[in-house]
Protein backbone atom coordinates (compact mmCIF):
# COMPACT_ATOMS: atom_id res chain seq x y z
CA UNK A 1 -21.65 -47.45 -2.21
CA UNK A 2 -21.01 -44.37 -0.21
CA UNK A 3 -18.68 -41.55 0.60
CA UNK A 4 -15.20 -42.96 1.28
CA UNK A 5 -12.50 -40.50 2.30
CA UNK A 6 -8.76 -41.01 2.50
CA UNK A 7 -5.82 -39.02 3.82
CA UNK A 8 -2.43 -40.11 2.56
CA UNK A 9 1.08 -39.08 3.58
CA UNK A 10 3.67 -39.20 0.83
CA UNK A 11 7.35 -39.95 1.38
CA UNK A 12 9.80 -39.09 -1.38
CA UNK A 13 12.30 -41.96 -1.71
CA UNK A 14 13.82 -41.40 -5.16
CA UNK A 15 17.49 -42.33 -4.67
CA UNK A 16 18.20 -39.88 -1.81
CA UNK A 17 16.61 -37.80 0.89
CA UNK A 18 16.96 -34.03 1.39
CA UNK A 19 20.33 -34.55 3.13
CA UNK A 20 21.79 -36.61 0.29
CA UNK A 21 21.47 -39.99 2.03
CA UNK A 22 20.41 -42.85 -0.24
CA UNK A 23 17.19 -44.68 0.48
CA UNK A 24 17.13 -48.46 0.49
CA UNK A 25 13.86 -49.28 -1.23
CA UNK A 26 12.86 -52.93 -1.20
CA UNK A 27 9.69 -54.07 -2.89
CA UNK A 28 8.19 -57.33 -1.67
CA UNK A 29 4.99 -59.18 -2.33
CA UNK A 30 3.93 -61.85 0.18
CA UNK A 31 7.41 -61.71 1.67
CA UNK A 32 9.21 -62.39 -1.60
CA UNK A 33 11.27 -59.80 -3.51
CA UNK A 34 9.51 -58.53 -6.61
CA UNK A 35 11.69 -59.10 -9.67
CA UNK A 36 13.40 -55.94 -10.91
CA UNK A 37 11.75 -56.38 -14.30
CA UNK A 38 8.34 -55.85 -12.66
CA UNK A 39 9.30 -52.98 -10.34
CA UNK A 40 12.69 -51.32 -10.34
CA UNK A 41 13.38 -50.07 -6.77
CA UNK A 42 15.77 -47.46 -8.17
CA UNK A 43 12.83 -45.89 -10.00
CA UNK A 44 10.41 -45.81 -7.07
CA UNK A 45 9.79 -42.11 -6.39
CA UNK A 46 7.22 -42.12 -3.57
CA UNK A 47 5.90 -44.38 -0.88
CA UNK A 48 2.33 -43.45 0.01
CA UNK A 49 0.94 -44.23 3.44
CA UNK A 50 -2.78 -44.11 4.28
CA UNK A 51 -2.94 -42.25 7.60
CA UNK A 52 -6.70 -41.68 7.90
CA UNK A 53 -9.92 -43.12 6.53
CA UNK A 54 -13.51 -41.99 6.97
CA UNK A 55 -16.78 -43.45 5.73
CA UNK A 56 -19.72 -41.10 5.16
CA UNK A 57 -18.31 -38.41 7.48
CA UNK A 58 -19.84 -35.74 5.26
CA UNK A 59 -19.06 -32.90 7.69
CA UNK A 60 -15.34 -33.70 7.43
CA UNK A 61 -15.57 -34.03 3.66
CA UNK A 62 -17.33 -30.66 3.50
CA UNK A 63 -14.50 -29.11 5.51
CA UNK A 64 -11.91 -30.43 3.04
CA UNK A 65 -13.97 -29.27 0.05
CA UNK A 66 -14.40 -25.77 1.50
CA UNK A 67 -10.94 -25.30 3.04
CA UNK A 68 -8.61 -27.32 0.81
CA UNK A 69 -10.31 -27.83 -2.55
CA UNK A 70 -11.60 -24.27 -3.14
CA UNK A 71 -15.20 -25.52 -3.13
CA UNK A 72 -14.56 -27.98 -5.95
CA UNK A 73 -15.91 -31.47 -5.16
CA UNK A 74 -14.94 -33.72 -8.07
CA UNK A 75 -13.26 -36.68 -6.35
CA UNK A 76 -9.89 -35.06 -7.07
CA UNK A 77 -6.78 -35.62 -4.99
CA UNK A 78 -5.72 -32.44 -3.17
CA UNK A 79 -2.60 -31.41 -1.30
CA UNK A 80 -3.20 -30.74 2.41
CA UNK A 81 -0.70 -28.85 4.57
CA UNK A 82 0.06 -29.67 8.19
CA UNK A 83 -1.37 -26.24 9.05
CA UNK A 84 -4.66 -27.16 7.42
CA UNK A 85 -4.79 -30.43 9.37
CA UNK A 86 -4.10 -28.49 12.57
CA UNK A 87 -6.98 -26.11 11.72
CA UNK A 88 -9.35 -29.01 11.10
CA UNK A 89 -8.28 -30.60 14.40
CA UNK A 90 -8.87 -27.29 16.22
CA UNK A 91 -12.35 -27.02 14.65
CA UNK A 92 -13.23 -30.62 15.55
CA UNK A 93 -12.16 -30.02 19.14
CA UNK A 94 -14.23 -26.83 19.34
CA UNK A 95 -17.35 -28.70 18.22
CA UNK A 96 -16.67 -31.60 20.58
CA UNK A 97 -16.34 -29.12 23.45
CA UNK A 98 -19.61 -27.36 22.53
CA UNK A 99 -22.05 -29.39 20.41
CA UNK A 100 -24.10 -26.26 19.73
CA UNK A 101 -21.33 -25.06 17.39
CA UNK A 102 -21.68 -28.09 15.08
CA UNK A 103 -23.98 -26.57 12.45
CA UNK A 104 -21.88 -23.39 12.25
CA UNK A 105 -18.33 -24.79 12.37
CA UNK A 106 -18.72 -28.25 10.78
CA UNK A 107 -22.04 -28.35 8.99
CA UNK A 108 -23.31 -31.65 7.67
CA UNK A 109 -23.41 -31.77 3.89
CA UNK A 110 -26.06 -33.73 2.04
CA UNK A 111 -25.12 -35.63 -1.04
CA UNK A 112 -25.75 -38.78 -2.96
CA UNK A 113 -24.46 -41.63 -0.73
CA UNK A 114 -23.04 -39.10 1.78
CA UNK A 115 -24.80 -40.54 4.84
CA UNK A 116 -26.98 -38.81 7.40
CA UNK A 117 -27.13 -35.09 8.07
CA UNK A 118 -28.41 -35.14 11.65
CA UNK A 119 -26.26 -33.83 14.49
CA UNK A 120 -26.60 -37.09 16.35
CA UNK A 121 -24.43 -39.74 17.99
CA UNK A 122 -22.97 -40.79 14.62
CA UNK A 123 -21.99 -37.23 13.75
CA UNK A 124 -20.08 -36.78 17.02
CA UNK A 125 -18.55 -40.27 16.79
CA UNK A 126 -17.08 -39.21 13.42
CA UNK A 127 -15.57 -36.16 15.13
CA UNK A 128 -14.04 -38.22 17.94
CA UNK A 129 -12.53 -40.60 15.38
CA UNK A 130 -11.22 -37.65 13.38
CA UNK A 131 -9.59 -36.20 16.48
CA UNK A 132 -7.95 -39.56 17.22
CA UNK A 133 -6.60 -39.85 13.66
CA UNK A 134 -5.36 -36.27 13.28
CA UNK A 135 -3.92 -35.49 16.72
CA UNK A 136 -0.86 -37.75 16.32
CA UNK A 137 -0.22 -36.42 12.80
CA UNK A 138 -0.23 -32.80 13.89
CA UNK A 139 2.02 -33.48 16.90
CA UNK A 140 4.36 -35.61 14.77
CA UNK A 141 4.62 -32.96 12.10
CA UNK A 142 5.40 -30.17 14.58
CA UNK A 143 8.73 -31.95 15.14
CA UNK A 144 9.68 -31.27 11.52
CA UNK A 145 8.74 -32.66 8.14
CA UNK A 146 9.97 -36.17 7.49
CA UNK A 147 7.69 -36.54 4.48
CA UNK A 148 6.53 -34.67 1.43
CA UNK A 149 2.97 -33.73 2.28
CA UNK A 150 -0.53 -35.01 2.65
CA UNK A 151 -3.14 -35.73 0.04
CA UNK A 152 -6.91 -35.90 0.57
CA UNK A 153 -9.08 -37.91 -1.77
CA UNK A 154 -12.75 -38.86 -1.60
CA UNK A 155 -14.87 -41.10 -3.77
CA UNK A 156 -18.48 -42.15 -3.91
C-alpha cells in the first residue's frame, strides 16, 4: 500500500474532432478486434492516456492538493490545466536549482502510506523524475491543444 499518483491526458474521439474530421476508433484486445457487441467503437467518447505516474512523492501530491484540488484530498479525480502543469514544472525547477527552497516551495506532506518526509536523496529524485515527465508535456502543449485536458488522481 502507499500513495500512488497518476496524471492522465484525455482525448475526445466521439465521432469527430473539433474540425469535423471523423475519428477511426478501433478497439483490440491481444491484437484481435473486440466484437461490437462488447464495445461499440462509434460510442467511444474518450481515449485516456497515462502520461505520468508517481509513487509516494508526497511533495508533488501536496502541490496538486493545494493548487488544483482547493485543499481537498479525497482521492478524487481533478482537472489540471496546461498552465498549472507549467507552474508545477517551474516550481520543481526552482527547488532543484536551490535545495534550500524545498520546504517553502514544495513541502513534504506526511500522511498514512505517504512515504518519507525528509528532504533527502529520494525527495530530490522525485523532483528530477517529475521534471522529466512534465517538461515534454508542457512543451508539447505550447504548440496547441490536441487533447481535451489532464486529470490528476491519487489513491492510497
